[in-house]
């Protein structure tokens, strides 16, 4: 099976760096709903970096909007650190 896009070593390196930092951040979240939300959001960002679509799972009603915003902001900053101009939409969902 042929890959749809050629291998890009820079993207692969950035994905490894982002994944390492994002997973460590997610591990610091002790609230189960927050942890799951962060892992799901990080998966969505990794898929976006690869140029793939990703369906996010539903958000737990127990997780506050401020907690969601904090997680998205933190992971978004990490994403932009590793992908400053590559597949960075102006507003992530």
PDB file of N, CA and C in Angstrom:
ATOM      1  N   UNK A   1       0.842  -1.164   0.000  1.00  0.00           N
ATOM      2  CA  UNK A   1       0.000   0.000   0.000  1.00  0.00           C
ATOM      3  C   UNK A   1       0.894   1.235   0.000  1.00  0.00           C
ATOM      4  N   UNK A   2       0.613   2.201  -0.879  1.00  0.00           N
ATOM      5  CA  UNK A   2       1.367   3.426  -1.013  1.00  0.00           C
ATOM      6  C   UNK A   2       0.793   4.512  -0.107  1.00  0.00           C
ATOM      7  N   UNK A   3       1.643   5.254   0.605  1.00  0.00           N
ATOM      8  CA  UNK A   3       1.130   6.382   1.390  1.00  0.00           C
ATOM      9  C   UNK A   3       0.604   7.455   0.452  1.00  0.00           C
ATOM     10  N   UNK A   4      -0.414   8.196   0.897  1.00  0.00           N
ATOM     11  CA  UNK A   4      -1.018   9.222   0.056  1.00  0.00           C
ATOM     12  C   UNK A   4      -0.114  10.450  -0.074  1.00  0.00           C
ATOM     13  N   UNK A   5       0.729  10.694   0.915  1.00  0.00           N
ATOM     14  CA  UNK A   5       1.671  11.812   0.870  1.00  0.00           C
ATOM     15  C   UNK A   5       3.067  11.268   1.136  1.00  0.00           C
ATOM     16  N   UNK A   6       4.088  11.889   0.545  1.00  0.00           N
ATOM     17  CA  UNK A   6       5.448  11.429   0.825  1.00  0.00           C
ATOM     18  C   UNK A   6       5.816  11.661   2.289  1.00  0.00           C
ATOM     19  N   UNK A   7       6.742  10.851   2.780  1.00  0.00           N
ATOM     20  CA  UNK A   7       7.209  10.972   4.155  1.00  0.00           C
ATOM     21  C   UNK A   7       7.884  12.314   4.349  1.00  0.00           C
ATOM     22  N   UNK A   8       7.550  13.000   5.397  1.00  0.00           N
ATOM     23  CA  UNK A   8       8.148  14.299   5.718  1.00  0.00           C
ATOM     24  C   UNK A   8       8.810  14.171   7.088  1.00  0.00           C
ATOM     25  N   UNK A   9      10.135  14.130   7.093  1.00  0.00           N
ATOM     26  CA  UNK A   9      10.887  13.932   8.336  1.00  0.00           C
ATOM     27  C   UNK A   9      10.650  15.066   9.326  1.00  0.00           C
ATOM     28  N   UNK A  10      10.489  16.297   8.830  1.00  0.00           N
ATOM     29  CA  UNK A  10      10.253  17.428   9.732  1.00  0.00           C
ATOM     30  C   UNK A  10       8.924  17.278  10.457  1.00  0.00           C
ATOM     31  N   UNK A  11       7.898  16.857   9.727  1.00  0.00           N
ATOM     32  CA  UNK A  11       6.588  16.661  10.343  1.00  0.00           C
ATOM     33  C   UNK A  11       6.647  15.504  11.337  1.00  0.00           C
ATOM     34  N   UNK A  12       7.327  14.435  10.964  1.00  0.00           N
ATOM     35  CA  UNK A  12       7.449  13.285  11.866  1.00  0.00           C
ATOM     36  C   UNK A  12       8.160  13.678  13.162  1.00  0.00           C
ATOM     37  N   UNK A  13       9.212  14.466  13.059  1.00  0.00           N
ATOM     38  CA  UNK A  13       9.939  14.926  14.239  1.00  0.00           C
ATOM     39  C   UNK A  13       9.056  15.824  15.096  1.00  0.00           C
ATOM     40  N   UNK A  14       8.323  16.725  14.440  1.00  0.00           N
ATOM     41  CA  UNK A  14       7.419  17.614  15.176  1.00  0.00           C
ATOM     42  C   UNK A  14       6.316  16.816  15.871  1.00  0.00           C
ATOM     43  N   UNK A  15       5.797  15.792  15.201  1.00  0.00           N
ATOM     44  CA  UNK A  15       4.767  14.951  15.817  1.00  0.00           C
ATOM     45  C   UNK A  15       5.294  14.243  17.058  1.00  0.00           C
ATOM     46  N   UNK A  16       6.505  13.742  16.982  1.00  0.00           N
ATOM     47  CA  UNK A  16       7.096  13.078  18.149  1.00  0.00           C
ATOM     48  C   UNK A  16       7.252  14.048  19.314  1.00  0.00           C
ATOM     49  N   UNK A  17       7.740  15.243  19.031  1.00  0.00           N
ATOM     50  CA  UNK A  17       7.909  16.242  20.086  1.00  0.00           C
ATOM     51  C   UNK A  17       6.580  16.657  20.691  1.00  0.00           C
ATOM     52  N   UNK A  18       5.596  16.936  19.819  1.00  0.00           N
ATOM     53  CA  UNK A  18       4.274  17.319  20.309  1.00  0.00           C
ATOM     54  C   UNK A  18       3.669  16.198  21.137  1.00  0.00           C
ATOM     55  N   UNK A  19       3.741  14.981  20.636  1.00  0.00           N
ATOM     56  CA  UNK A  19       3.150  13.844  21.337  1.00  0.00           C
ATOM     57  C   UNK A  19       3.770  13.675  22.724  1.00  0.00           C
ATOM     58  N   UNK A  20       5.080  13.780  22.805  1.00  0.00           N
ATOM     59  CA  UNK A  20       5.753  13.615  24.100  1.00  0.00           C
ATOM     60  C   UNK A  20       5.283  14.678  25.093  1.00  0.00           C
ATOM     61  N   UNK A  21       5.264  15.927  24.654  1.00  0.00           N
ATOM     62  CA  UNK A  21       4.871  17.015  25.547  1.00  0.00           C
ATOM     63  C   UNK A  21       3.384  16.938  25.904  1.00  0.00           C
ATOM     64  N   UNK A  22       2.547  16.605  24.916  1.00  0.00           N
ATOM     65  CA  UNK A  22       1.106  16.537  25.162  1.00  0.00           C
ATOM     66  C   UNK A  22       0.752  15.404  26.121  1.00  0.00           C
ATOM     67  N   UNK A  23       1.377  14.262  25.955  1.00  0.00           N
ATOM     68  CA  UNK A  23       1.091  13.131  26.841  1.00  0.00           C
ATOM     69  C   UNK A  23       1.519  13.455  28.267  1.00  0.00           C
ATOM     70  N   UNK A  24       2.679  14.068  28.427  1.00  0.00           N
ATOM     71  CA  UNK A  24       3.120  14.449  29.775  1.00  0.00           C
ATOM     72  C   UNK A  24       2.137  15.436  30.403  1.00  0.00           C
ATOM     73  N   UNK A  25       1.656  16.399  29.619  1.00  0.00           N
ATOM     74  CA  UNK A  25       0.663  17.348  30.128  1.00  0.00           C
ATOM     75  C   UNK A  25      -0.614  16.614  30.535  1.00  0.00           C
ATOM     76  N   UNK A  26      -1.090  15.733  29.685  1.00  0.00           N
ATOM     77  CA  UNK A  26      -2.333  15.003  29.981  1.00  0.00           C
ATOM     78  C   UNK A  26      -2.213  14.168  31.247  1.00  0.00           C
ATOM     79  N   UNK A  27      -1.032  13.629  31.493  1.00  0.00           N
ATOM     80  CA  UNK A  27      -0.821  12.827  32.691  1.00  0.00           C
ATOM     81  C   UNK A  27      -0.916  13.650  33.973  1.00  0.00           C
ATOM     82  N   UNK A  28      -0.738  14.965  33.862  1.00  0.00           N
ATOM     83  CA  UNK A  28      -0.823  15.814  35.055  1.00  0.00           C
ATOM     84  C   UNK A  28      -2.264  16.143  35.439  1.00  0.00           C
ATOM     85  N   UNK A  29      -3.201  15.849  34.543  1.00  0.00           N
ATOM     86  CA  UNK A  29      -4.609  16.155  34.812  1.00  0.00           C
ATOM     87  C   UNK A  29      -5.207  15.008  35.619  1.00  0.00           C
ATOM     88  N   UNK A  30      -5.557  15.284  36.863  1.00  0.00           N
ATOM     89  CA  UNK A  30      -6.030  14.230  37.751  1.00  0.00           C
ATOM     90  C   UNK A  30      -7.526  13.953  37.612  1.00  0.00           C
ATOM     91  N   UNK A  31      -8.292  14.937  37.161  1.00  0.00           N
ATOM     92  CA  UNK A  31      -9.720  14.737  36.955  1.00  0.00           C
ATOM     93  C   UNK A  31      -9.915  13.808  35.746  1.00  0.00           C
ATOM     94  N   UNK A  32     -10.673  12.735  35.917  1.00  0.00           N
ATOM     95  CA  UNK A  32     -10.848  11.732  34.858  1.00  0.00           C
ATOM     96  C   UNK A  32     -11.482  12.333  33.603  1.00  0.00           C
ATOM     97  N   UNK A  33     -12.498  13.161  33.768  1.00  0.00           N
ATOM     98  CA  UNK A  33     -13.149  13.780  32.611  1.00  0.00           C
ATOM     99  C   UNK A  33     -12.184  14.734  31.899  1.00  0.00           C
ATOM    100  N   UNK A  34     -11.436  15.495  32.666  1.00  0.00           N
ATOM    101  CA  UNK A  34     -10.469  16.422  32.095  1.00  0.00           C
ATOM    102  C   UNK A  34      -9.353  15.692  31.374  1.00  0.00           C
ATOM    103  N   UNK A  35      -8.882  14.606  31.969  1.00  0.00           N
ATOM    104  CA  UNK A  35      -7.825  13.800  31.353  1.00  0.00           C
ATOM    105  C   UNK A  35      -8.302  13.242  30.014  1.00  0.00           C
ATOM    106  N   UNK A  36      -9.487  12.676  29.991  1.00  0.00           N
ATOM    107  CA  UNK A  36     -10.029  12.100  28.754  1.00  0.00           C
ATOM    108  C   UNK A  36     -10.226  13.175  27.694  1.00  0.00           C
ATOM    109  N   UNK A  37     -10.725  14.342  28.105  1.00  0.00           N
ATOM    110  CA  UNK A  37     -10.928  15.449  27.174  1.00  0.00           C
ATOM    111  C   UNK A  37      -9.590  15.887  26.574  1.00  0.00           C
ATOM    112  N   UNK A  38      -8.568  16.001  27.409  1.00  0.00           N
ATOM    113  CA  UNK A  38      -7.250  16.421  26.949  1.00  0.00           C
ATOM    114  C   UNK A  38      -6.651  15.396  25.983  1.00  0.00           C
ATOM    115  N   UNK A  39      -6.762  14.124  26.298  1.00  0.00           N
ATOM    116  CA  UNK A  39      -6.237  13.089  25.405  1.00  0.00           C
ATOM    117  C   UNK A  39      -6.957  13.120  24.061  1.00  0.00           C
ATOM    118  N   UNK A  40      -8.266  13.305  24.093  1.00  0.00           N
ATOM    119  CA  UNK A  40      -9.056  13.357  22.868  1.00  0.00           C
ATOM    120  C   UNK A  40      -8.665  14.586  22.037  1.00  0.00           C
ATOM    121  N   UNK A  41      -8.488  15.711  22.686  1.00  0.00           N
ATOM    122  CA  UNK A  41      -8.106  16.934  21.983  1.00  0.00           C
ATOM    123  C   UNK A  41      -6.705  16.794  21.381  1.00  0.00           C
ATOM    124  N   UNK A  42      -5.797  16.175  22.113  1.00  0.00           N
ATOM    125  CA  UNK A  42      -4.445  15.946  21.595  1.00  0.00           C
ATOM    126  C   UNK A  42      -4.484  15.008  20.385  1.00  0.00           C
ATOM    127  N   UNK A  43      -5.329  13.971  20.428  1.00  0.00           N
ATOM    128  CA  UNK A  43      -5.477  13.073  19.276  1.00  0.00           C
ATOM    129  C   UNK A  43      -5.985  13.840  18.062  1.00  0.00           C
ATOM    130  N   UNK A  44      -6.932  14.755  18.286  1.00  0.00           N
ATOM    131  CA  UNK A  44      -7.470  15.553  17.202  1.00  0.00           C
ATOM    132  C   UNK A  44      -6.369  16.425  16.590  1.00  0.00           C
ATOM    133  N   UNK A  45      -5.537  17.035  17.423  1.00  0.00           N
ATOM    134  CA  UNK A  45      -4.454  17.871  16.915  1.00  0.00           C
ATOM    135  C   UNK A  45      -3.422  17.050  16.142  1.00  0.00           C
ATOM    136  N   UNK A  46      -3.099  15.848  16.630  1.00  0.00           N
ATOM    137  CA  UNK A  46      -2.160  14.979  15.902  1.00  0.00           C
ATOM    138  C   UNK A  46      -2.730  14.608  14.536  1.00  0.00           C
ATOM    139  N   UNK A  47      -4.011  14.286  14.493  1.00  0.00           N
ATOM    140  CA  UNK A  47      -4.648  13.935  13.223  1.00  0.00           C
ATOM    141  C   UNK A  47      -4.606  15.131  12.275  1.00  0.00           C
ATOM    142  N   UNK A  48      -4.885  16.311  12.800  1.00  0.00           N
ATOM    143  CA  UNK A  48      -4.858  17.521  11.977  1.00  0.00           C
ATOM    144  C   UNK A  48      -3.462  17.749  11.400  1.00  0.00           C
ATOM    145  N   UNK A  49      -2.430  17.524  12.202  1.00  0.00           N
ATOM    146  CA  UNK A  49      -1.059  17.702  11.721  1.00  0.00           C
ATOM    147  C   UNK A  49      -0.736  16.726  10.596  1.00  0.00           C
ATOM    148  N   UNK A  50      -1.353  15.561  10.640  1.00  0.00           N
ATOM    149  CA  UNK A  50      -1.149  14.559   9.589  1.00  0.00           C
ATOM    150  C   UNK A  50      -2.045  14.809   8.383  1.00  0.00           C
ATOM    151  N   UNK A  51      -2.928  15.795   8.482  1.00  0.00           N
ATOM    152  CA  UNK A  51      -3.834  16.091   7.383  1.00  0.00           C
ATOM    153  C   UNK A  51      -5.060  15.203   7.365  1.00  0.00           C
ATOM    154  N   UNK A  52      -5.381  14.601   8.496  1.00  0.00           N
ATOM    155  CA  UNK A  52      -6.523  13.685   8.588  1.00  0.00           C
ATOM    156  C   UNK A  52      -7.696  14.352   9.296  1.00  0.00           C
ATOM    157  N   UNK A  53      -8.874  13.872   8.989  1.00  0.00           N
ATOM    158  CA  UNK A  53     -10.066  14.303   9.720  1.00  0.00           C
ATOM    159  C   UNK A  53     -10.171  13.482  10.995  1.00  0.00           C
ATOM    160  N   UNK A  54     -10.757  14.071  12.010  1.00  0.00           N
ATOM    161  CA  UNK A  54     -10.882  13.368  13.294  1.00  0.00           C
ATOM    162  C   UNK A  54     -12.198  13.752  13.929  1.00  0.00           C
ATOM    163  N   UNK A  55     -12.999  12.771  14.247  1.00  0.00           N
ATOM    164  CA  UNK A  55     -14.269  12.996  14.942  1.00  0.00           C
ATOM    165  C   UNK A  55     -14.010  12.928  16.436  1.00  0.00           C
ATOM    166  N   UNK A  56     -14.257  14.043  17.103  1.00  0.00           N
ATOM    167  CA  UNK A  56     -14.063  14.054  18.555  1.00  0.00           C
ATOM    168  C   UNK A  56     -15.256  13.425  19.232  1.00  0.00           C
ATOM    169  N   UNK A  57     -14.978  12.769  20.341  1.00  0.00           N
ATOM    170  CA  UNK A  57     -16.058  12.173  21.123  1.00  0.00           C
ATOM    171  C   UNK A  57     -16.788  13.275  21.880  1.00  0.00           C
ATOM    172  N   UNK A  58     -17.915  12.935  22.450  1.00  0.00           N
ATOM    173  CA  UNK A  58     -18.709  13.920  23.179  1.00  0.00           C
ATOM    174  C   UNK A  58     -18.000  14.427  24.418  1.00  0.00           C
ATOM    175  N   UNK A  59     -18.333  15.639  24.818  1.00  0.00           N
ATOM    176  CA  UNK A  59     -17.740  16.254  25.996  1.00  0.00           C
ATOM    177  C   UNK A  59     -18.571  15.878  27.212  1.00  0.00           C
ATOM    178  N   UNK A  60     -17.903  15.490  28.263  1.00  0.00           N
ATOM    179  CA  UNK A  60     -18.592  15.149  29.499  1.00  0.00           C
ATOM    180  C   UNK A  60     -19.257  16.393  30.078  1.00  0.00           C
ATOM    181  N   UNK A  61     -20.476  16.237  30.522  1.00  0.00           N
ATOM    182  CA  UNK A  61     -21.198  17.351  31.143  1.00  0.00           C
ATOM    183  C   UNK A  61     -20.535  17.763  32.463  1.00  0.00           C
ATOM    184  N   UNK A  62     -19.745  16.873  33.039  1.00  0.00           N
ATOM    185  CA  UNK A  62     -19.092  17.166  34.319  1.00  0.00           C
ATOM    186  C   UNK A  62     -17.885  18.090  34.159  1.00  0.00           C
ATOM    187  N   UNK A  63     -17.395  18.269  32.925  1.00  0.00           N
ATOM    188  CA  UNK A  63     -16.220  19.103  32.699  1.00  0.00           C
ATOM    189  C   UNK A  63     -16.667  20.528  32.388  1.00  0.00           C
ATOM    190  N   UNK A  64     -16.204  21.464  33.189  1.00  0.00           N
ATOM    191  CA  UNK A  64     -16.627  22.859  33.023  1.00  0.00           C
ATOM    192  C   UNK A  64     -16.064  23.457  31.742  1.00  0.00           C
ATOM    193  N   UNK A  65     -16.725  24.486  31.252  1.00  0.00           N
ATOM    194  CA  UNK A  65     -16.278  25.195  30.048  1.00  0.00           C
ATOM    195  C   UNK A  65     -14.905  25.819  30.290  1.00  0.00           C
ATOM    196  N   UNK A  66     -14.652  26.322  31.490  1.00  0.00           N
ATOM    197  CA  UNK A  66     -13.347  26.926  31.779  1.00  0.00           C
ATOM    198  C   UNK A  66     -12.235  25.868  31.749  1.00  0.00           C
ATOM    199  N   UNK A  67     -12.538  24.659  32.214  1.00  0.00           N
ATOM    200  CA  UNK A  67     -11.550  23.576  32.164  1.00  0.00           C
ATOM    201  C   UNK A  67     -11.277  23.179  30.714  1.00  0.00           C
ATOM    202  N   UNK A  68     -12.329  23.106  29.906  1.00  0.00           N
ATOM    203  CA  UNK A  68     -12.155  22.802  28.483  1.00  0.00           C
ATOM    204  C   UNK A  68     -11.295  23.858  27.805  1.00  0.00           C
ATOM    205  N   UNK A  69     -11.592  25.124  28.091  1.00  0.00           N
ATOM    206  CA  UNK A  69     -10.839  26.221  27.486  1.00  0.00           C
ATOM    207  C   UNK A  69      -9.364  26.177  27.887  1.00  0.00           C
ATOM    208  N   UNK A  70      -9.095  25.884  29.147  1.00  0.00           N
ATOM    209  CA  UNK A  70      -7.715  25.796  29.626  1.00  0.00           C
ATOM    210  C   UNK A  70      -6.966  24.673  28.915  1.00  0.00           C
ATOM    211  N   UNK A  71      -7.601  23.519  28.798  1.00  0.00           N
ATOM    212  CA  UNK A  71      -6.980  22.373  28.122  1.00  0.00           C
ATOM    213  C   UNK A  71      -6.718  22.701  26.657  1.00  0.00           C
ATOM    214  N   UNK A  72      -7.708  23.261  25.980  1.00  0.00           N
ATOM    215  CA  UNK A  72      -7.557  23.599  24.563  1.00  0.00           C
ATOM    216  C   UNK A  72      -6.469  24.655  24.361  1.00  0.00           C
ATOM    217  N   UNK A  73      -6.416  25.639  25.232  1.00  0.00           N
ATOM    218  CA  UNK A  73      -5.406  26.689  25.126  1.00  0.00           C
ATOM    219  C   UNK A  73      -4.006  26.113  25.324  1.00  0.00           C
ATOM    220  N   UNK A  74      -3.854  25.281  26.343  1.00  0.00           N
ATOM    221  CA  UNK A  74      -2.541  24.700  26.640  1.00  0.00           C
ATOM    222  C   UNK A  74      -2.065  23.803  25.505  1.00  0.00           C
ATOM    223  N   UNK A  75      -2.936  22.904  25.044  1.00  0.00           N
ATOM    224  CA  UNK A  75      -2.547  22.006  23.956  1.00  0.00           C
ATOM    225  C   UNK A  75      -2.387  22.760  22.639  1.00  0.00           C
ATOM    226  N   UNK A  76      -3.194  23.787  22.431  1.00  0.00           N
ATOM    227  CA  UNK A  76      -3.057  24.609  21.232  1.00  0.00           C
ATOM    228  C   UNK A  76      -1.706  25.310  21.171  1.00  0.00           C
ATOM    229  N   UNK A  77      -1.243  25.808  22.314  1.00  0.00           N
ATOM    230  CA  UNK A  77       0.083  26.440  22.372  1.00  0.00           C
ATOM    231  C   UNK A  77       1.179  25.430  22.067  1.00  0.00           C
ATOM    232  N   UNK A  78       1.038  24.219  22.603  1.00  0.00           N
ATOM    233  CA  UNK A  78       2.021  23.169  22.306  1.00  0.00           C
ATOM    234  C   UNK A  78       2.024  22.856  20.816  1.00  0.00           C
ATOM    235  N   UNK A  79       0.839  22.751  20.235  1.00  0.00           N
ATOM    236  CA  UNK A  79       0.707  22.439  18.810  1.00  0.00           C
ATOM    237  C   UNK A  79       1.397  23.513  17.969  1.00  0.00           C
ATOM    238  N   UNK A  80       1.137  24.766  18.281  1.00  0.00           N
ATOM    239  CA  UNK A  80       1.739  25.864  17.511  1.00  0.00           C
ATOM    240  C   UNK A  80       3.256  25.933  17.713  1.00  0.00           C
ATOM    241  N   UNK A  81       3.728  25.459  18.839  1.00  0.00           N
ATOM    242  CA  UNK A  81       5.176  25.403  19.091  1.00  0.00           C
ATOM    243  C   UNK A  81       5.847  24.454  18.092  1.00  0.00           C
ATOM    244  N   UNK A  82       5.222  23.312  17.850  1.00  0.00           N
ATOM    245  CA  UNK A  82       5.797  22.310  16.956  1.00  0.00           C
ATOM    246  C   UNK A  82       5.370  22.490  15.504  1.00  0.00           C
ATOM    247  N   UNK A  83       4.235  23.116  15.293  1.00  0.00           N
ATOM    248  CA  UNK A  83       3.713  23.338  13.940  1.00  0.00           C
ATOM    249  C   UNK A  83       3.359  24.818  13.765  1.00  0.00           C
ATOM    250  N   UNK A  84       4.351  25.698  13.751  1.00  0.00           N
ATOM    251  CA  UNK A  84       4.058  27.129  13.707  1.00  0.00           C
ATOM    252  C   UNK A  84       3.354  27.584  12.434  1.00  0.00           C
ATOM    253  N   UNK A  85       3.600  26.918  11.331  1.00  0.00           N
ATOM    254  CA  UNK A  85       2.946  27.324  10.080  1.00  0.00           C
ATOM    255  C   UNK A  85       2.332  26.153   9.331  1.00  0.00           C
ATOM    256  N   UNK A  86       2.451  24.965   9.862  1.00  0.00           N
ATOM    257  CA  UNK A  86       2.002  23.776   9.156  1.00  0.00           C
ATOM    258  C   UNK A  86       0.628  23.343   9.642  1.00  0.00           C
ATOM    259  N   UNK A  87      -0.356  23.463   8.774  1.00  0.00           N
ATOM    260  CA  UNK A  87      -1.722  23.038   9.091  1.00  0.00           C
ATOM    261  C   UNK A  87      -2.216  23.614  10.415  1.00  0.00           C
ATOM    262  N   UNK A  88      -2.004  24.889  10.571  1.00  0.00           N
ATOM    263  CA  UNK A  88      -2.459  25.570  11.776  1.00  0.00           C
ATOM    264  C   UNK A  88      -3.636  26.449  11.395  1.00  0.00           C
ATOM    265  N   UNK A  89      -4.848  25.996  11.667  1.00  0.00           N
ATOM    266  CA  UNK A  89      -6.003  26.824  11.358  1.00  0.00           C
ATOM    267  C   UNK A  89      -6.065  28.025  12.308  1.00  0.00           C
ATOM    268  N   UNK A  90      -6.747  29.054  11.867  1.00  0.00           N
ATOM    269  CA  UNK A  90      -6.847  30.251  12.707  1.00  0.00           C
ATOM    270  C   UNK A  90      -7.624  29.985  13.984  1.00  0.00           C
ATOM    271  N   UNK A  91      -8.573  29.075  13.919  1.00  0.00           N
ATOM    272  CA  UNK A  91      -9.361  28.743  15.122  1.00  0.00           C
ATOM    273  C   UNK A  91      -9.613  27.239  15.122  1.00  0.00           C
ATOM    274  N   UNK A  92      -9.086  26.565  16.092  1.00  0.00           N
ATOM    275  CA  UNK A  92      -9.309  25.121  16.215  1.00  0.00           C
ATOM    276  C   UNK A  92     -10.679  24.876  16.814  1.00  0.00           C
ATOM    277  N   UNK A  93     -11.366  23.837  16.353  1.00  0.00           N
ATOM    278  CA  UNK A  93     -12.692  23.551  16.922  1.00  0.00           C
ATOM    279  C   UNK A  93     -12.593  23.091  18.357  1.00  0.00           C
TER     280      UNK A  93
END
